[in-house]
Amino acid sequence: MQQRNFLVKLLLLCLLLGLGSQAAFAKKMYRWIDENGNTYFSDQVPPDQTQHRRDVLSKSGRVVESTEKAKTKEQQEFEARLAELRKAQEKLILRQKTHDRVLLSTYRSKDDLITDIEVKMHSFETQKKALEGDLNRLIQQLEEQQKKAAAFERNGQKVPEELLGHINSTQQQIQQARVAVSDHTLKQAQVQKEYDADIERFLFLTQSNTTESKNKLASIKEANELGLFYCENDRQCNKAWEIARAFVEFHSTTASDVFNDKLIMNRPPAIDTDLSLSLSKIPVNDDEYQLFLDIRCRDSLPGKELCASQRVMDIRSAFRPYVNDALSRAAQ
């Protein structure tokens, strides 16, 4: 009997020990690094250490879960502003993709596109000649009216009020006609520029497909952190755009994908060490723009760490000074 009781107690003890070891074994193991660079391992994270980024480790030491470092108010505001700029940029990217699809679905070759453009530009030229014809007719009409008025004056007669009214009306019509011709000329030039860009883009897209078949105004501090350059005028913006293109090409590790007067974009990251830069011209109001530099990394843990690294922060903060310095040198 005593031996039996001993065996039962021993069995219960073993069971309790087994359950205890399983409970201890089931506890999570955390790893984190404090602000001084010290690494800690523990099954509990002290309250004064919860602000640090931490990993949950498996039995083999593999990371199975990660909790990002707590963000300060300034970091949260920065990310909100970055998200706002990226949202505006995404609209440009979506518009570009839609335009690409229209180009590829509408035209089968470069010759088709050029023929269509020539027809449209001929229509513009016809309209321009009609406007210029109206202007010349009005100028001749004014000359005739002024001759009549001069004849009255030579004869010592008062120029009739009706004739003076006609002269005034014709002068106003001439001014309006000149504005119409000027506006039409500017629009024609802008459309021609867009058509030239369409040809270049179509060639890029079709060449790319062939190859594949083969194989808000910010402060200076905020602008540096976000990668923003504010344009003072159109002339400066056009120069800054070309300068910024060189910056994007230099720092990107992926190939160029889109280039026009609103969007410069390199291809998405393919590996964890890739940096894909893009630049968008975002309107502030009707005639003012800011250039927004964005940096994207691969959607992976190493990629996210790269985008949060000092290297990426340095690239973004160097953008505005780089453009300013280049503009200053060009002005000298």
Foldseek 3Di string as FASTA:
>chain_A
DVVVVVVVVVVVVVVVVVVVVVVVLPQWWKWWADPVRDIDIDSDDDPVRQQTKMFTADPVRDGPDIDHHHDDPVRVVLVVVLVVVVVLVVVVVVVVVVVLVCLVVVDDDLVRLVVVVVVVLVVLVVVLVVLVVVLVVLVVVLVVLVVVCVVCVVVVHHRDPVSVVVNVVSVVVNVVSVVVSVVSVVVSVVVVLVSVLSSVLNVVVVVVVVVVVVPADDDLVSCLQFQKAWDPAPVLLVLLLVLLLVLQVVPFPAAWDDDDSAKTWGDAEDDQPGKTKMWGWDDPDDTITMITIDIAGDPDPSRVVVCVDVVVSNSSNVNRVSSVVVVVVVVD
